[in-house]
Amino acid sequence: MENLVEQAGQAGGAAKAICQPMRASTDDLPERLRNDLTALGPLPMRTLTAFVDLGLSDAEIARYFDLSAASIANLRTIWQLR
């Protein structure tokens, strides 16, 4: 494990980013969106990224988490998830 951490540090930013959890900054989000983040779990940005990477639409993601499609679309725009 220690060797893996060393390799990640030597490989540069990309490998380092993989090892770090994606933490979302919630301070600048509207209160309504901050409340919706709790449905996405402890790492909401990472969770939403995974669902987007799977090819799910905003409506499908929203239905899964019982949120509005507008909230998902807003979070994707704010976090620049395509």
Protein backbone atom coordinates (compact mmCIF):
# COMPACT_ATOMS: atom_id res chain seq x y z
CA MET A 1 0.00 0.00 0.00
CA GLU A 2 2.81 2.38 0.85
CA ASN A 3 4.36 1.74 -2.57
CA LEU A 4 1.06 2.60 -4.25
CA VAL A 5 0.91 5.92 -2.42
CA GLU A 6 4.50 6.68 -3.47
CA GLN A 7 3.69 5.88 -7.10
CA ALA A 8 0.63 8.09 -7.00
CA GLY A 9 2.71 10.95 -5.64
CA GLN A 10 5.36 10.52 -8.32
CA ALA A 11 2.90 10.13 -11.20
CA GLY A 12 1.60 13.65 -10.87
CA GLY A 13 -1.80 15.24 -10.59
CA ALA A 14 -3.96 12.64 -12.35
CA ALA A 15 -2.98 9.72 -10.15
CA LYS A 16 -3.10 11.90 -7.08
CA ALA A 17 -6.64 13.00 -7.97
CA ILE A 18 -7.75 9.37 -8.27
CA CYS A 19 -6.57 8.66 -4.73
CA GLN A 20 -8.34 11.67 -3.26
CA PRO A 21 -12.11 11.64 -2.69
CA MET A 22 -13.98 14.31 -4.61
CA ARG A 23 -15.31 16.64 -1.96
CA ALA A 24 -17.99 19.05 -3.02
CA SER A 25 -17.92 22.59 -1.76
CA THR A 26 -21.39 23.21 -0.39
CA ASP A 27 -20.83 26.72 0.91
CA ASP A 28 -21.67 28.42 -2.37
CA LEU A 29 -24.70 26.26 -3.22
CA PRO A 30 -28.26 27.51 -2.73
CA GLU A 31 -29.90 26.09 0.39
CA ARG A 32 -32.35 23.98 -1.63
CA LEU A 33 -29.47 22.22 -3.39
CA ARG A 34 -27.56 21.77 -0.12
CA ASN A 35 -30.59 19.93 1.28
CA ASP A 36 -30.68 17.68 -1.82
CA LEU A 37 -27.03 16.71 -1.34
CA THR A 38 -27.85 14.57 1.67
CA ALA A 39 -29.75 12.17 -0.61
CA LEU A 40 -26.56 11.65 -2.66
CA GLY A 41 -24.57 10.41 0.34
CA PRO A 42 -21.31 11.45 2.00
CA LEU A 43 -19.51 12.19 -1.31
CA PRO A 44 -22.27 13.72 -3.43
CA MET A 45 -20.02 14.90 -6.26
CA ARG A 46 -18.42 11.47 -6.61
CA THR A 47 -21.86 9.81 -6.50
CA LEU A 48 -23.31 12.09 -9.15
CA THR A 49 -20.21 11.65 -11.31
CA ALA A 50 -20.62 7.87 -11.19
CA PHE A 51 -24.25 8.04 -12.28
CA VAL A 52 -23.43 10.49 -15.09
CA ASP A 53 -20.58 8.23 -16.23
CA LEU A 54 -23.05 5.35 -16.39
CA GLY A 55 -24.99 7.38 -18.95
CA LEU A 56 -28.09 8.04 -16.89
CA SER A 57 -30.15 11.11 -17.69
CA ASP A 58 -30.92 13.80 -15.14
CA ALA A 59 -34.47 12.47 -14.85
CA GLU A 60 -33.26 8.90 -14.22
CA ILE A 61 -30.77 10.03 -11.58
CA ALA A 62 -33.41 12.23 -9.94
CA ARG A 63 -35.91 9.36 -9.85
CA TYR A 64 -33.32 7.05 -8.25
CA PHE A 65 -32.59 9.53 -5.44
CA ASP A 66 -36.15 10.93 -5.21
CA LEU A 67 -35.01 14.42 -6.20
CA SER A 68 -36.12 16.82 -8.90
CA ALA A 69 -34.49 16.61 -12.32
CA ALA A 70 -33.87 20.37 -12.07
CA SER A 71 -31.75 19.84 -8.93
CA ILE A 72 -29.65 17.19 -10.68
CA ALA A 73 -29.25 19.42 -13.73
CA ASN A 74 -28.21 22.36 -11.54
CA LEU A 75 -25.62 20.28 -9.66
CA ARG A 76 -24.22 18.94 -12.94
CA THR A 77 -23.91 22.48 -14.25
CA ILE A 78 -22.28 23.82 -11.07
CA TRP A 79 -19.83 20.90 -10.88
CA GLN A 80 -19.32 20.88 -14.67
CA LEU A 81 -20.24 17.21 -15.06
CA ARG A 82 -20.93 16.20 -18.65
